[in-house]
């Protein structure tokens, strides 16, 4: 089975078979990252461009390295120094890029739905690297890959997502993806940052940090955006740390083999302490490695339309 689609715009639209194909292909890609020579000719001659309308280091670099490891020609546009600041529309920018022979556009945009609009207008493949408060599908996929790699499964696991659920595109992608794969999802955070409709997505809203931690197989800690405190969503960063932060004392009340994830970048001492980050339960650096493998898998599947059985042979 191949990934029979041109674009990767969100996990809401993927089915279980497609998610498993991506994760299985990422397994093969991660093997490449463990080699002394981390380069294969799989996408030689293909051109990939990162078009980021929001600042990013981690995600953009991850995509760029993924392309380079597959021998694609990768480049980036800094929107602050491009024609975009002169008022050029998203569609016109996309058409200009495509006219230069770009095969894939990886876009991060502050408006929900922007990648979908671009994908409708271009014959090139489009990957959503985060659109407003909507989705961050590659983060959701790398989180699922990390969980499956460590636990051997996703189905039936108890997974807690803690923090700013209301504005988090990471939370939405995780909820849609993990629920499809059979996980049970709990959420917890400041009441002002819990969407009123969230129970419609099939998740359970916890009343306390203790309830969120107890019996959880995975705890995914979301980054708190400090501007939320300025806007009055919670009284202070110190209070947030006291009520919603993951610290050593709380970690010791969790299951011994609980996994702690964080999408990064971290605010140490606010949503997560250094003690937790440095613990054996935390897989934050492994998430970064897995992010490259997942993005390699997506580039391969979208640009080559390959099947996993074919891909494993071609990487040798």
C-alpha atoms as a PDB file:
ATOM      1  CA  UNK A   1       0.000   0.000   0.000  1.00  0.00           C
ATOM      2  CA  UNK A   2       1.294   3.437  -0.898  1.00  0.00           C
ATOM      3  CA  UNK A   3       0.394   6.847   0.445  1.00  0.00           C
ATOM      4  CA  UNK A   4      -2.060   7.799  -2.289  1.00  0.00           C
ATOM      5  CA  UNK A   5      -2.168  11.543  -1.744  1.00  0.00           C
ATOM      6  CA  UNK A   6      -0.220  14.540  -2.960  1.00  0.00           C
ATOM      7  CA  UNK A   7      -0.075  16.426   0.341  1.00  0.00           C
ATOM      8  CA  UNK A   8       0.140  15.952   4.107  1.00  0.00           C
ATOM      9  CA  UNK A   9      -2.114  18.615   5.593  1.00  0.00           C
ATOM     10  CA  UNK A  10      -3.355  17.122   8.865  1.00  0.00           C
ATOM     11  CA  UNK A  11      -3.916  13.976  10.895  1.00  0.00           C
ATOM     12  CA  UNK A  12      -7.653  14.559  11.008  1.00  0.00           C
ATOM     13  CA  UNK A  13      -7.872  13.401   7.394  1.00  0.00           C
ATOM     14  CA  UNK A  14      -5.546  10.355   7.581  1.00  0.00           C
ATOM     15  CA  UNK A  15      -6.799   6.824   8.197  1.00  0.00           C
ATOM     16  CA  UNK A  16      -5.145   4.168  10.348  1.00  0.00           C
ATOM     17  CA  UNK A  17      -3.523   2.459   7.374  1.00  0.00           C
ATOM     18  CA  UNK A  18      -1.894   5.689   6.211  1.00  0.00           C
ATOM     19  CA  UNK A  19      -0.603   6.488   9.698  1.00  0.00           C
ATOM     20  CA  UNK A  20       0.879   2.993  10.061  1.00  0.00           C
ATOM     21  CA  UNK A  21       2.524   3.283   6.638  1.00  0.00           C
ATOM     22  CA  UNK A  22       4.184   6.562   7.622  1.00  0.00           C
ATOM     23  CA  UNK A  23       5.381   5.148  10.957  1.00  0.00           C
ATOM     24  CA  UNK A  24       6.657   1.944   9.331  1.00  0.00           C
ATOM     25  CA  UNK A  25       8.548   3.963   6.706  1.00  0.00           C
ATOM     26  CA  UNK A  26      10.007   6.141   9.478  1.00  0.00           C
ATOM     27  CA  UNK A  27      11.409   2.936  11.044  1.00  0.00           C
ATOM     28  CA  UNK A  28      13.450   2.369   7.898  1.00  0.00           C
ATOM     29  CA  UNK A  29      14.481   6.026   7.766  1.00  0.00           C
ATOM     30  CA  UNK A  30      15.707   5.996  11.358  1.00  0.00           C
ATOM     31  CA  UNK A  31      18.110   3.212  10.446  1.00  0.00           C
ATOM     32  CA  UNK A  32      19.742   5.646   8.007  1.00  0.00           C
ATOM     33  CA  UNK A  33      20.245   8.167  10.819  1.00  0.00           C
ATOM     34  CA  UNK A  34      22.244   5.563  12.745  1.00  0.00           C
ATOM     35  CA  UNK A  35      24.784   5.108   9.949  1.00  0.00           C
ATOM     36  CA  UNK A  36      28.178   6.801   9.782  1.00  0.00           C
ATOM     37  CA  UNK A  37      27.226   8.065   6.309  1.00  0.00           C
ATOM     38  CA  UNK A  38      23.736   9.536   6.745  1.00  0.00           C
ATOM     39  CA  UNK A  39      22.895   9.984   3.087  1.00  0.00           C
ATOM     40  CA  UNK A  40      21.024   7.993   0.466  1.00  0.00           C
ATOM     41  CA  UNK A  41      20.276   8.986  -3.157  1.00  0.00           C
ATOM     42  CA  UNK A  42      16.542   8.325  -2.821  1.00  0.00           C
ATOM     43  CA  UNK A  43      15.352  11.865  -3.697  1.00  0.00           C
ATOM     44  CA  UNK A  44      18.261  12.977  -5.876  1.00  0.00           C
ATOM     45  CA  UNK A  45      16.955  15.509  -8.380  1.00  0.00           C
ATOM     46  CA  UNK A  46      13.977  16.537  -6.238  1.00  0.00           C
ATOM     47  CA  UNK A  47      13.690  20.094  -4.897  1.00  0.00           C
ATOM     48  CA  UNK A  48      12.174  20.943  -1.494  1.00  0.00           C
ATOM     49  CA  UNK A  49      11.523  24.441  -0.160  1.00  0.00           C
ATOM     50  CA  UNK A  50      10.674  25.542   3.390  1.00  0.00           C
ATOM     51  CA  UNK A  51       8.278  28.489   3.411  1.00  0.00           C
ATOM     52  CA  UNK A  52       7.909  29.632   7.012  1.00  0.00           C
ATOM     53  CA  UNK A  53       5.745  32.637   7.829  1.00  0.00           C
ATOM     54  CA  UNK A  54       6.414  32.101  11.548  1.00  0.00           C
ATOM     55  CA  UNK A  55       9.783  31.834  13.320  1.00  0.00           C
ATOM     56  CA  UNK A  56      11.063  28.287  13.697  1.00  0.00           C
ATOM     57  CA  UNK A  57      14.385  26.647  14.337  1.00  0.00           C
ATOM     58  CA  UNK A  58      13.571  23.088  15.366  1.00  0.00           C
ATOM     59  CA  UNK A  59      10.924  22.194  12.788  1.00  0.00           C
ATOM     60  CA  UNK A  60      12.509  24.013   9.846  1.00  0.00           C
ATOM     61  CA  UNK A  61      15.951  22.544  10.511  1.00  0.00           C
ATOM     62  CA  UNK A  62      14.433  19.079  10.944  1.00  0.00           C
ATOM     63  CA  UNK A  63      12.781  19.291   7.514  1.00  0.00           C
ATOM     64  CA  UNK A  64      15.937  20.675   5.911  1.00  0.00           C
ATOM     65  CA  UNK A  65      18.092  17.873   7.329  1.00  0.00           C
ATOM     66  CA  UNK A  66      15.506  15.269   6.324  1.00  0.00           C
ATOM     67  CA  UNK A  67      15.700  16.478   2.741  1.00  0.00           C
ATOM     68  CA  UNK A  68      19.499  16.580   2.727  1.00  0.00           C
ATOM     69  CA  UNK A  69      19.783  13.022   4.097  1.00  0.00           C
ATOM     70  CA  UNK A  70      17.626  11.865   1.165  1.00  0.00           C
ATOM     71  CA  UNK A  71      19.791  13.870  -1.309  1.00  0.00           C
ATOM     72  CA  UNK A  72      17.027  16.336  -2.201  1.00  0.00           C
ATOM     73  CA  UNK A  73      17.973  19.930  -2.974  1.00  0.00           C
ATOM     74  CA  UNK A  74      16.605  21.921  -0.037  1.00  0.00           C
ATOM     75  CA  UNK A  75      16.220  25.664   0.402  1.00  0.00           C
ATOM     76  CA  UNK A  76      14.327  28.114   2.611  1.00  0.00           C
ATOM     77  CA  UNK A  77      12.621  31.471   2.225  1.00  0.00           C
ATOM     78  CA  UNK A  78      12.921  34.029   5.003  1.00  0.00           C
ATOM     79  CA  UNK A  79       9.580  35.786   4.665  1.00  0.00           C
ATOM     80  CA  UNK A  80      10.860  38.939   6.367  1.00  0.00           C
ATOM     81  CA  UNK A  81      13.271  39.564   3.480  1.00  0.00           C
ATOM     82  CA  UNK A  82      11.149  38.306   0.573  1.00  0.00           C
ATOM     83  CA  UNK A  83       8.473  39.780  -1.688  1.00  0.00           C
ATOM     84  CA  UNK A  84       5.924  38.635   0.888  1.00  0.00           C
ATOM     85  CA  UNK A  85       6.581  41.780   2.929  1.00  0.00           C
ATOM     86  CA  UNK A  86       5.679  43.789  -0.189  1.00  0.00           C
ATOM     87  CA  UNK A  87       2.193  42.327  -0.149  1.00  0.00           C
ATOM     88  CA  UNK A  88       2.551  39.293  -2.412  1.00  0.00           C
ATOM     89  CA  UNK A  89      -0.257  36.807  -1.747  1.00  0.00           C
ATOM     90  CA  UNK A  90       0.301  33.271  -0.522  1.00  0.00           C
ATOM     91  CA  UNK A  91      -0.994  31.805  -3.785  1.00  0.00           C
ATOM     92  CA  UNK A  92       1.189  34.063  -5.941  1.00  0.00           C
ATOM     93  CA  UNK A  93       4.212  33.144  -3.839  1.00  0.00           C
ATOM     94  CA  UNK A  94       3.377  29.469  -4.250  1.00  0.00           C
ATOM     95  CA  UNK A  95       2.956  29.750  -8.008  1.00  0.00           C
ATOM     96  CA  UNK A  96       6.254  31.599  -8.312  1.00  0.00           C
ATOM     97  CA  UNK A  97       7.998  28.881  -6.312  1.00  0.00           C
ATOM     98  CA  UNK A  98       6.422  26.144  -8.423  1.00  0.00           C
ATOM     99  CA  UNK A  99       7.483  27.894 -11.633  1.00  0.00           C
ATOM    100  CA  UNK A 100      11.078  27.541 -10.435  1.00  0.00           C
ATOM    101  CA  UNK A 101      10.718  23.756 -10.453  1.00  0.00           C
ATOM    102  CA  UNK A 102      10.110  23.118  -6.736  1.00  0.00           C
ATOM    103  CA  UNK A 103       8.620  19.638  -6.137  1.00  0.00           C
ATOM    104  CA  UNK A 104       7.565  20.113  -2.509  1.00  0.00           C
ATOM    105  CA  UNK A 105       6.658  23.118  -0.357  1.00  0.00           C
ATOM    106  CA  UNK A 106       6.788  22.812   3.431  1.00  0.00           C
ATOM    107  CA  UNK A 107       4.754  25.642   4.904  1.00  0.00           C
ATOM    108  CA  UNK A 108       4.253  27.059   8.371  1.00  0.00           C
ATOM    109  CA  UNK A 109       1.685  29.828   8.543  1.00  0.00           C
ATOM    110  CA  UNK A 110      -0.090  31.758  11.292  1.00  0.00           C
ATOM    111  CA  UNK A 111      -3.474  31.292   9.597  1.00  0.00           C
ATOM    112  CA  UNK A 112      -5.349  28.022   9.961  1.00  0.00           C
ATOM    113  CA  UNK A 113      -6.048  26.491   6.564  1.00  0.00           C
ATOM    114  CA  UNK A 114      -3.231  28.253   4.696  1.00  0.00           C
ATOM    115  CA  UNK A 115      -1.507  24.973   3.705  1.00  0.00           C
ATOM    116  CA  UNK A 116      -4.828  23.634   2.416  1.00  0.00           C
ATOM    117  CA  UNK A 117      -5.317  26.717   0.256  1.00  0.00           C
ATOM    118  CA  UNK A 118      -1.816  26.424  -1.150  1.00  0.00           C
ATOM    119  CA  UNK A 119      -2.236  22.699  -1.845  1.00  0.00           C
ATOM    120  CA  UNK A 120      -5.388  23.345  -3.888  1.00  0.00           C
ATOM    121  CA  UNK A 121      -3.520  25.778  -6.136  1.00  0.00           C
ATOM    122  CA  UNK A 122      -0.282  23.839  -6.692  1.00  0.00           C
ATOM    123  CA  UNK A 123       0.585  20.579  -8.392  1.00  0.00           C
ATOM    124  CA  UNK A 124       3.649  20.380  -6.116  1.00  0.00           C
ATOM    125  CA  UNK A 125       3.317  18.456  -2.861  1.00  0.00           C
ATOM    126  CA  UNK A 126       2.584  20.496   0.260  1.00  0.00           C
ATOM    127  CA  UNK A 127       3.359  19.545   3.868  1.00  0.00           C
ATOM    128  CA  UNK A 128       1.751  21.436   6.731  1.00  0.00           C
ATOM    129  CA  UNK A 129       4.472  22.377   9.241  1.00  0.00           C
ATOM    130  CA  UNK A 130       1.927  24.098  11.496  1.00  0.00           C
ATOM    131  CA  UNK A 131      -1.037  26.288  10.608  1.00  0.00           C
ATOM    132  CA  UNK A 132      -2.256  28.741  13.218  1.00  0.00           C
ATOM    133  CA  UNK A 133      -4.032  26.980  16.062  1.00  0.00           C
ATOM    134  CA  UNK A 134      -5.216  24.158  13.805  1.00  0.00           C
ATOM    135  CA  UNK A 135      -2.699  21.326  13.328  1.00  0.00           C
ATOM    136  CA  UNK A 136       0.974  20.362  13.477  1.00  0.00           C
ATOM    137  CA  UNK A 137       0.725  16.927  11.844  1.00  0.00           C
ATOM    138  CA  UNK A 138       4.423  16.028  11.690  1.00  0.00           C
ATOM    139  CA  UNK A 139       4.755  16.707  15.427  1.00  0.00           C
ATOM    140  CA  UNK A 140       1.793  14.428  16.057  1.00  0.00           C
ATOM    141  CA  UNK A 141       3.357  11.722  13.886  1.00  0.00           C
ATOM    142  CA  UNK A 142       6.753  11.929  15.565  1.00  0.00           C
ATOM    143  CA  UNK A 143       5.077  11.726  18.969  1.00  0.00           C
ATOM    144  CA  UNK A 144       3.191   8.598  17.854  1.00  0.00           C
ATOM    145  CA  UNK A 145       6.387   7.140  16.408  1.00  0.00           C
ATOM    146  CA  UNK A 146       8.217   7.741  19.698  1.00  0.00           C
ATOM    147  CA  UNK A 147       5.425   6.165  21.737  1.00  0.00           C
ATOM    148  CA  UNK A 148       5.132   3.116  19.478  1.00  0.00           C
ATOM    149  CA  UNK A 149       8.897   2.618  19.421  1.00  0.00           C
ATOM    150  CA  UNK A 150       9.153   2.688  23.224  1.00  0.00           C
ATOM    151  CA  UNK A 151       5.910   0.946  24.176  1.00  0.00           C
ATOM    152  CA  UNK A 152       5.528  -1.365  21.193  1.00  0.00           C
ATOM    153  CA  UNK A 153       1.960  -0.199  20.644  1.00  0.00           C
ATOM    154  CA  UNK A 154      -0.387   2.760  20.844  1.00  0.00           C
ATOM    155  CA  UNK A 155      -3.739   1.009  21.144  1.00  0.00           C
ATOM    156  CA  UNK A 156      -5.033   0.910  24.714  1.00  0.00           C
ATOM    157  CA  UNK A 157      -2.426   3.250  26.183  1.00  0.00           C
ATOM    158  CA  UNK A 158      -3.432   5.977  28.641  1.00  0.00           C
ATOM    159  CA  UNK A 159      -1.985   9.240  27.365  1.00  0.00           C
ATOM    160  CA  UNK A 160      -2.220  12.573  29.178  1.00  0.00           C
ATOM    161  CA  UNK A 161      -1.747  15.910  27.420  1.00  0.00           C
ATOM    162  CA  UNK A 162      -1.101  18.746  29.869  1.00  0.00           C
ATOM    163  CA  UNK A 163      -0.978  22.487  29.270  1.00  0.00           C
ATOM    164  CA  UNK A 164      -2.449  24.995  26.824  1.00  0.00           C
ATOM    165  CA  UNK A 165      -4.966  22.848  24.958  1.00  0.00           C
ATOM    166  CA  UNK A 166      -7.002  25.765  23.614  1.00  0.00           C
ATOM    167  CA  UNK A 167      -4.299  27.259  21.392  1.00  0.00           C
ATOM    168  CA  UNK A 168      -2.142  24.188  20.803  1.00  0.00           C
ATOM    169  CA  UNK A 169      -1.962  22.788  17.282  1.00  0.00           C
ATOM    170  CA  UNK A 170       0.257  20.046  18.728  1.00  0.00           C
ATOM    171  CA  UNK A 171      -2.562  18.980  21.049  1.00  0.00           C
ATOM    172  CA  UNK A 172      -5.066  18.799  18.208  1.00  0.00           C
ATOM    173  CA  UNK A 173      -2.835  16.683  15.994  1.00  0.00           C
ATOM    174  CA  UNK A 174      -2.012  14.387  18.901  1.00  0.00           C
ATOM    175  CA  UNK A 175      -5.668  13.968  19.829  1.00  0.00           C
ATOM    176  CA  UNK A 176      -6.786  13.186  16.279  1.00  0.00           C
ATOM    177  CA  UNK A 177      -3.883  10.843  15.586  1.00  0.00           C
ATOM    178  CA  UNK A 178      -3.710   8.983  18.884  1.00  0.00           C
ATOM    179  CA  UNK A 179      -7.466   8.514  19.120  1.00  0.00           C
ATOM    180  CA  UNK A 180      -7.500   6.922  15.659  1.00  0.00           C
ATOM    181  CA  UNK A 181      -4.752   4.564  16.770  1.00  0.00           C
ATOM    182  CA  UNK A 182      -6.796   3.443  19.777  1.00  0.00           C
ATOM    183  CA  UNK A 183      -5.255   5.382  22.670  1.00  0.00           C
ATOM    184  CA  UNK A 184      -7.276   6.828  25.543  1.00  0.00           C
ATOM    185  CA  UNK A 185      -6.607  10.556  25.908  1.00  0.00           C
ATOM    186  CA  UNK A 186      -6.828  12.673  29.035  1.00  0.00           C
ATOM    187  CA  UNK A 187      -6.224  16.397  29.084  1.00  0.00           C
ATOM    188  CA  UNK A 188      -5.484  18.848  31.868  1.00  0.00           C
ATOM    189  CA  UNK A 189      -4.622  22.514  32.074  1.00  0.00           C
ATOM    190  CA  UNK A 190      -5.931  25.885  33.239  1.00  0.00           C
ATOM    191  CA  UNK A 191      -9.737  25.938  32.777  1.00  0.00           C
ATOM    192  CA  UNK A 192      -9.347  29.091  30.667  1.00  0.00           C
ATOM    193  CA  UNK A 193      -7.146  27.114  28.258  1.00  0.00           C
ATOM    194  CA  UNK A 194      -9.453  24.092  27.843  1.00  0.00           C
ATOM    195  CA  UNK A 195     -11.722  24.368  24.763  1.00  0.00           C
ATOM    196  CA  UNK A 196     -15.423  24.085  25.626  1.00  0.00           C
ATOM    197  CA  UNK A 197     -16.017  21.564  22.827  1.00  0.00           C
ATOM    198  CA  UNK A 198     -13.066  19.302  23.626  1.00  0.00           C
ATOM    199  CA  UNK A 199     -15.152  16.381  24.898  1.00  0.00           C
ATOM    200  CA  UNK A 200     -16.592  16.079  21.390  1.00  0.00           C
ATOM    201  CA  UNK A 201     -13.158  14.805  20.311  1.00  0.00           C
ATOM    202  CA  UNK A 202     -13.499  11.827  22.642  1.00  0.00           C
ATOM    203  CA  UNK A 203     -11.079  12.934  25.351  1.00  0.00           C
ATOM    204  CA  UNK A 204     -11.491  13.005  29.122  1.00  0.00           C
ATOM    205  CA  UNK A 205     -10.915  16.279  30.969  1.00  0.00           C
ATOM    206  CA  UNK A 206      -9.120  15.795  34.305  1.00  0.00           C
ATOM    207  CA  UNK A 207      -9.869  17.920  37.355  1.00  0.00           C
ATOM    208  CA  UNK A 208      -6.382  17.784  38.854  1.00  0.00           C
ATOM    209  CA  UNK A 209      -2.749  17.142  38.012  1.00  0.00           C
ATOM    210  CA  UNK A 210      -2.876  14.038  40.187  1.00  0.00           C
ATOM    211  CA  UNK A 211      -5.727  12.624  38.122  1.00  0.00           C
ATOM    212  CA  UNK A 212      -3.867  13.372  34.897  1.00  0.00           C
ATOM    213  CA  UNK A 213      -0.716  11.605  36.093  1.00  0.00           C
ATOM    214  CA  UNK A 214      -2.180   8.577  37.856  1.00  0.00           C
ATOM    215  CA  UNK A 215      -1.940   5.462  35.689  1.00  0.00           C
ATOM    216  CA  UNK A 216      -0.762   7.345  32.601  1.00  0.00           C
ATOM    217  CA  UNK A 217       1.546   5.493  30.215  1.00  0.00           C
ATOM    218  CA  UNK A 218       2.594   8.719  28.482  1.00  0.00           C
ATOM    219  CA  UNK A 219       2.545  12.329  29.668  1.00  0.00           C
ATOM    220  CA  UNK A 220       2.893  14.924  26.919  1.00  0.00           C
ATOM    221  CA  UNK A 221       3.765  18.334  28.349  1.00  0.00           C
ATOM    222  CA  UNK A 222       2.894  21.306  26.140  1.00  0.00           C
ATOM    223  CA  UNK A 223       4.941  24.495  26.068  1.00  0.00           C
ATOM    224  CA  UNK A 224       3.201  27.378  27.779  1.00  0.00           C
ATOM    225  CA  UNK A 225       3.288  30.554  25.731  1.00  0.00           C
ATOM    226  CA  UNK A 226       4.201  33.322  28.152  1.00  0.00           C
ATOM    227  CA  UNK A 227       1.944  35.835  26.412  1.00  0.00           C
ATOM    228  CA  UNK A 228      -1.013  33.839  27.748  1.00  0.00           C
ATOM    229  CA  UNK A 229      -0.136  35.063  31.251  1.00  0.00           C
ATOM    230  CA  UNK A 230      -0.029  38.676  30.059  1.00  0.00           C
ATOM    231  CA  UNK A 231      -3.512  38.212  28.616  1.00  0.00           C
ATOM    232  CA  UNK A 232      -4.832  36.876  31.910  1.00  0.00           C
ATOM    233  CA  UNK A 233      -5.407  33.202  31.095  1.00  0.00           C
ATOM    234  CA  UNK A 234      -3.707  32.360  34.415  1.00  0.00           C
ATOM    235  CA  UNK A 235      -2.501  34.619  37.244  1.00  0.00           C
ATOM    236  CA  UNK A 236       1.275  34.093  37.104  1.00  0.00           C
ATOM    237  CA  UNK A 237       3.983  31.835  35.746  1.00  0.00           C
ATOM    238  CA  UNK A 238       4.806  30.757  39.302  1.00  0.00           C
ATOM    239  CA  UNK A 239       1.208  29.682  39.872  1.00  0.00           C
ATOM    240  CA  UNK A 240       1.210  27.860  36.543  1.00  0.00           C
ATOM    241  CA  UNK A 241       4.315  25.934  37.607  1.00  0.00           C
ATOM    242  CA  UNK A 242       2.732  25.077  40.962  1.00  0.00           C
ATOM    243  CA  UNK A 243      -0.579  23.873  39.545  1.00  0.00           C
ATOM    244  CA  UNK A 244       0.244  22.556  36.076  1.00  0.00           C
ATOM    245  CA  UNK A 245       4.016  22.060  35.899  1.00  0.00           C
ATOM    246  CA  UNK A 246       5.654  18.634  35.738  1.00  0.00           C
ATOM    247  CA  UNK A 247       8.256  18.317  38.478  1.00  0.00           C
ATOM    248  CA  UNK A 248      10.223  15.560  40.174  1.00  0.00           C
ATOM    249  CA  UNK A 249       7.753  15.048  43.014  1.00  0.00           C
ATOM    250  CA  UNK A 250       4.897  14.552  40.575  1.00  0.00           C
ATOM    251  CA  UNK A 251       6.969  12.282  38.348  1.00  0.00           C
ATOM    252  CA  UNK A 252       7.625  10.018  41.337  1.00  0.00           C
ATOM    253  CA  UNK A 253       3.872   9.484  41.755  1.00  0.00           C
ATOM    254  CA  UNK A 254       3.538   8.307  38.150  1.00  0.00           C
ATOM    255  CA  UNK A 255       4.044   4.806  36.778  1.00  0.00           C
ATOM    256  CA  UNK A 256       7.664   3.776  36.893  1.00  0.00           C
ATOM    257  CA  UNK A 257       7.813   3.331  33.115  1.00  0.00           C
ATOM    258  CA  UNK A 258       5.842   6.451  32.184  1.00  0.00           C
ATOM    259  CA  UNK A 259       7.142   8.308  29.135  1.00  0.00           C
ATOM    260  CA  UNK A 260       7.467  12.099  29.286  1.00  0.00           C
ATOM    261  CA  UNK A 261       7.291  13.995  25.994  1.00  0.00           C
ATOM    262  CA  UNK A 262       7.594  17.685  25.148  1.00  0.00           C
ATOM    263  CA  UNK A 263       7.401  19.230  21.644  1.00  0.00           C
ATOM    264  CA  UNK A 264       9.964  21.917  22.474  1.00  0.00           C
ATOM    265  CA  UNK A 265      11.248  24.473  22.945  1.00  0.00           C
ATOM    266  CA  UNK A 266      10.932  24.081  26.707  1.00  0.00           C
ATOM    267  CA  UNK A 267      10.367  26.663  29.423  1.00  0.00           C
ATOM    268  CA  UNK A 268      12.343  24.949  32.165  1.00  0.00           C
ATOM    269  CA  UNK A 269      10.968  25.644  35.596  1.00  0.00           C
ATOM    270  CA  UNK A 270       7.514  26.529  34.273  1.00  0.00           C
ATOM    271  CA  UNK A 271       5.764  23.640  32.495  1.00  0.00           C
ATOM    272  CA  UNK A 272       8.623  21.194  33.152  1.00  0.00           C
ATOM    273  CA  UNK A 273      11.590  21.125  35.521  1.00  0.00           C
ATOM    274  CA  UNK A 274      15.173  20.197  34.722  1.00  0.00           C
ATOM    275  CA  UNK A 275      14.852  17.180  37.021  1.00  0.00           C
ATOM    276  CA  UNK A 276      12.149  15.754  34.779  1.00  0.00           C
ATOM    277  CA  UNK A 277      13.963  16.691  31.565  1.00  0.00           C
ATOM    278  CA  UNK A 278      17.092  14.871  32.717  1.00  0.00           C
ATOM    279  CA  UNK A 279      15.209  11.809  33.989  1.00  0.00           C
ATOM    280  CA  UNK A 280      15.255   8.434  32.224  1.00  0.00           C
ATOM    281  CA  UNK A 281      11.517   8.815  31.609  1.00  0.00           C
ATOM    282  CA  UNK A 282      11.965  11.833  29.343  1.00  0.00           C
ATOM    283  CA  UNK A 283      12.387  11.176  25.617  1.00  0.00           C
ATOM    284  CA  UNK A 284      12.649  14.775  24.448  1.00  0.00           C
ATOM    285  CA  UNK A 285      15.939  14.388  22.561  1.00  0.00           C
ATOM    286  CA  UNK A 286      14.686  11.128  21.038  1.00  0.00           C
ATOM    287  CA  UNK A 287      11.650  13.034  19.759  1.00  0.00           C
ATOM    288  CA  UNK A 288      13.988  15.351  17.855  1.00  0.00           C
ATOM    289  CA  UNK A 289      15.752  12.416  16.181  1.00  0.00           C
ATOM    290  CA  UNK A 290      12.428  10.748  15.425  1.00  0.00           C
ATOM    291  CA  UNK A 291      11.162  13.985  13.918  1.00  0.00           C
ATOM    292  CA  UNK A 292      13.843  13.815  11.237  1.00  0.00           C
ATOM    293  CA  UNK A 293      12.975  10.161  10.496  1.00  0.00           C
ATOM    294  CA  UNK A 294       9.243  10.910  10.212  1.00  0.00           C
ATOM    295  CA  UNK A 295       9.843  13.883   7.912  1.00  0.00           C
ATOM    296  CA  UNK A 296      12.160  11.781   5.755  1.00  0.00           C
ATOM    297  CA  UNK A 297       9.383   9.195   5.516  1.00  0.00           C
ATOM    298  CA  UNK A 298       6.832  11.781   4.413  1.00  0.00           C
ATOM    299  CA  UNK A 299       9.115  13.289   1.806  1.00  0.00           C
ATOM    300  CA  UNK A 300       9.800   9.852   0.384  1.00  0.00           C
ATOM    301  CA  UNK A 301       6.171   8.719   0.364  1.00  0.00           C
ATOM    302  CA  UNK A 302       4.832  11.943  -1.154  1.00  0.00           C
ATOM    303  CA  UNK A 303       7.561  12.502  -3.731  1.00  0.00           C
ATOM    304  CA  UNK A 304       8.166   8.901  -4.727  1.00  0.00           C
ATOM    305  CA  UNK A 305       4.770   7.355  -3.928  1.00  0.00           C
ATOM    306  CA  UNK A 306       6.680   4.365  -2.615  1.00  0.00           C
ATOM    307  CA  UNK A 307       5.480   1.360  -0.695  1.00  0.00           C
ATOM    308  CA  UNK A 308       7.226   0.344   2.489  1.00  0.00           C
ATOM    309  CA  UNK A 309       8.438  -2.956   1.022  1.00  0.00           C
ATOM    310  CA  UNK A 310      10.034  -1.062  -1.875  1.00  0.00           C
ATOM    311  CA  UNK A 311      11.458   1.664   0.348  1.00  0.00           C
ATOM    312  CA  UNK A 312      13.352  -0.675   2.638  1.00  0.00           C
ATOM    313  CA  UNK A 313      15.141  -2.235  -0.354  1.00  0.00           C
ATOM    314  CA  UNK A 314      15.992   1.125  -1.910  1.00  0.00           C
ATOM    315  CA  UNK A 315      17.683   2.488   1.217  1.00  0.00           C
ATOM    316  CA  UNK A 316      20.422  -0.168   1.259  1.00  0.00           C
END
